[in-house]
C-alpha atoms as a PDB file:
ATOM      1  CA  MET A   1     -10.870   1.372  10.949  1.00  0.00           C
ATOM      2  CA  GLN A   2      -9.295  -0.583   7.596  1.00  0.00           C
ATOM      3  CA  LYS A   3      -6.347  -2.598   7.514  1.00  0.00           C
ATOM      4  CA  PHE A   4      -4.596  -3.252   4.172  1.00  0.00           C
ATOM      5  CA  LEU A   5      -1.380  -5.077   3.875  1.00  0.00           C
ATOM      6  CA  VAL A   6       1.474  -2.642   2.122  1.00  0.00           C
ATOM      7  CA  VAL A   7       4.097  -4.199   0.312  1.00  0.00           C
ATOM      8  CA  PHE A   8       7.592  -2.266   0.665  1.00  0.00           C
ATOM      9  CA  GLU A   9      10.362  -3.031  -1.854  1.00  0.00           C
ATOM     10  CA  LYS A  10      13.998  -1.730  -1.883  1.00  0.00           C
ATOM     11  CA  THR A  11      14.326  -0.207  -5.443  1.00  0.00           C
ATOM     12  CA  LYS A  12      17.758   1.212  -6.604  1.00  0.00           C
ATOM     13  CA  THR A  13      16.828   5.017  -5.997  1.00  0.00           C
ATOM     14  CA  GLY A  14      14.801   4.010  -2.870  1.00  0.00           C
ATOM     15  CA  TYR A  15      11.900   2.736  -1.905  1.00  0.00           C
ATOM     16  CA  SER A  16       8.264   1.366  -3.389  1.00  0.00           C
ATOM     17  CA  ALA A  17       5.545   0.473  -1.715  1.00  0.00           C
ATOM     18  CA  TYR A  18       1.795  -1.023  -3.394  1.00  0.00           C
ATOM     19  CA  ALA A  19      -1.197  -2.615  -1.261  1.00  0.00           C
ATOM     20  CA  PRO A  20      -2.276  -5.454  -2.937  1.00  0.00           C
ATOM     21  CA  ASP A  21      -6.262  -5.163  -2.103  1.00  0.00           C
ATOM     22  CA  LEU A  22      -6.721  -2.005  -3.377  1.00  0.00           C
ATOM     23  CA  PRO A  23      -4.989  -2.408  -7.086  1.00  0.00           C
ATOM     24  CA  GLY A  24      -3.281   1.163  -8.584  1.00  0.00           C
ATOM     25  CA  CYS A  25      -2.362   2.225  -5.082  1.00  0.00           C
ATOM     26  CA  ILE A  26       1.597   2.892  -5.046  1.00  0.00           C
ATOM     27  CA  ALA A  27       4.168   5.142  -3.466  1.00  0.00           C
ATOM     28  CA  THR A  28       7.608   5.501  -3.770  1.00  0.00           C
ATOM     29  CA  GLY A  29      10.412   7.637  -1.529  1.00  0.00           C
ATOM     30  CA  ARG A  30      13.648   7.805  -1.362  1.00  0.00           C
ATOM     31  CA  THR A  31      13.694   6.161   2.264  1.00  0.00           C
ATOM     32  CA  LYS A  32      11.145   3.398   3.686  1.00  0.00           C
ATOM     33  CA  ASN A  33      10.530   6.402   6.353  1.00  0.00           C
ATOM     34  CA  GLU A  34       9.055   9.082   3.245  1.00  0.00           C
ATOM     35  CA  THR A  35       7.422   5.795   1.374  1.00  0.00           C
ATOM     36  CA  GLU A  36       5.256   5.208   4.261  1.00  0.00           C
ATOM     37  CA  GLN A  37       4.069   8.588   4.451  1.00  0.00           C
ATOM     38  CA  ASN A  38       3.682   8.599   0.443  1.00  0.00           C
ATOM     39  CA  ILE A  39       2.142   5.221   0.511  1.00  0.00           C
ATOM     40  CA  TYR A  40      -0.376   5.828   3.878  1.00  0.00           C
ATOM     41  CA  GLU A  41      -1.463   9.280   2.023  1.00  0.00           C
ATOM     42  CA  ALA A  42      -2.397   7.726  -1.153  1.00  0.00           C
ATOM     43  CA  ILE A  43      -4.512   5.263   0.357  1.00  0.00           C
ATOM     44  CA  GLN A  44      -6.162   7.606   1.942  1.00  0.00           C
ATOM     45  CA  PHE A  45      -6.927   9.346  -1.372  1.00  0.00           C
ATOM     46  CA  HIS A  46      -7.409   5.991  -3.429  1.00  0.00           C
ATOM     47  CA  LEU A  47     -10.294   5.297  -0.451  1.00  0.00           C
ATOM     48  CA  GLU A  48     -11.963   9.177  -0.607  1.00  0.00           C
ATOM     49  CA  GLY A  49     -12.055   8.528  -4.400  1.00  0.00           C
ATOM     50  CA  LEU A  50     -13.777   5.326  -4.273  1.00  0.00           C
ATOM     51  CA  LYS A  51     -16.289   6.808  -1.506  1.00  0.00           C
ATOM     52  CA  GLU A  52     -16.458   9.739  -3.782  1.00  0.00           C
ATOM     53  CA  GLU A  53     -17.650   7.055  -6.837  1.00  0.00           C
ATOM     54  CA  LYS A  54     -20.126   5.050  -4.580  1.00  0.00           C
ATOM     55  CA  VAL A  55     -17.830   2.072  -5.615  1.00  0.00           C
ATOM     56  CA  ARG A  56     -17.718  -0.417  -2.125  1.00  0.00           C
ATOM     57  CA  ILE A  57     -14.442  -0.384  -0.570  1.00  0.00           C
ATOM     58  CA  PRO A  58     -12.253  -4.079  -0.315  1.00  0.00           C
ATOM     59  CA  LYS A  59     -12.311  -6.255   2.470  1.00  0.00           C
ATOM     60  CA  MET A  60      -8.387  -6.470   3.017  1.00  0.00           C
ATOM     61  CA  LYS A  61      -7.716 -10.473   1.911  1.00  0.00           C
ATOM     62  CA  ALA A  62      -3.976 -10.455   1.084  1.00  0.00           C
ATOM     63  CA  GLU A  63      -1.692 -12.332   3.372  1.00  0.00           C
ATOM     64  CA  SER A  64       2.070 -11.805   3.977  1.00  0.00           C
ATOM     65  CA  GLU A  65       4.084 -13.902   5.556  1.00  0.00           C
ATOM     66  CA  VAL A  66       8.142 -14.996   6.046  1.00  0.00           C
ATOM     67  CA  LEU A  67       9.557 -17.873   5.540  1.00  0.00           C
ATOM     68  CA  VAL A  68      12.842 -19.147   6.365  1.00  0.00           C
ATOM     69  CA  PHE A  69      15.308 -21.363   4.947  1.00  0.00           C
ATOM     70  CA  GLY A  70      18.588 -22.894   5.395  1.00  0.00           C
END
């Protein structure tokens, strides 16, 4: 099992998402749920491509934390 950090961002038309440890692996959607499904599929497709090309799958290095101010 592999884990990758996914960052979701609200946009004017919905949401976008990307995986910092998988450059170029992005997805969009009208809702966060749709975007979550799309990025899951995008990551699967990305990993399959890396395996096909015999490229080492990167380990998760990105971290995330929410800081509270004020």
